[in-house]
Amino acid sequence: MKYSELEADILRLIVAATEDGVRAFGEETVTRLVRPELLRGAAEDELTEEARAALATACANVLTISAAELHDELATIYDGILVEDDLDPGVLTAIQALAHWHSYLEKNRRGELYELAIRSIEDIDHEVSADLDDILATPQMAAEYKRIRRLLDTPR
């Protein structure tokens, strides 16, 4: 499967999924994308102490924090970024996931869950360097695609 076909299939699955299915997918995916090991590469010169604390709090409480609270934590994180374009990839993944989750919580837009799915695929790609012409060739990428399908391809 080519990468563009994977993207199209994920979008189709998100559009067609039940509300319960997209919510379960979103919760599982955002939790995966804010896991503690992604934050281990954060250098002290990338984020202020306040931003690191806000990021840790938001990640640890991602499924229980309100949209308003997450908004405040994200504002603290954004205000505390000390580098232009050199954030650690794991930190960047976590921040992007929190931003998409916040937008989903606030506006219930499925497009934000599509973005979470793509961040999840990119996270796997960062680990295994998948071939864009055969994106599912690695066991890790095939497993992630299976996880996405399992959560979204639910019967009505």
Foldseek 3Di string as FASTA:
>chain_A
DFQVVLLVVLVVLLVPFDPQLLVVLLVVLLLVLLDPVLCVPFDCQFFPPLLVVLSVVCNVCVPPDALVSLVVSLVNNVVGGRDDPDGRLSSVSNSLSSVLSSCCRVPVDSVSSSVSLVSSLVVVCVVPVADNGCRCPDVSNVVSSVVSCVSRVDDD
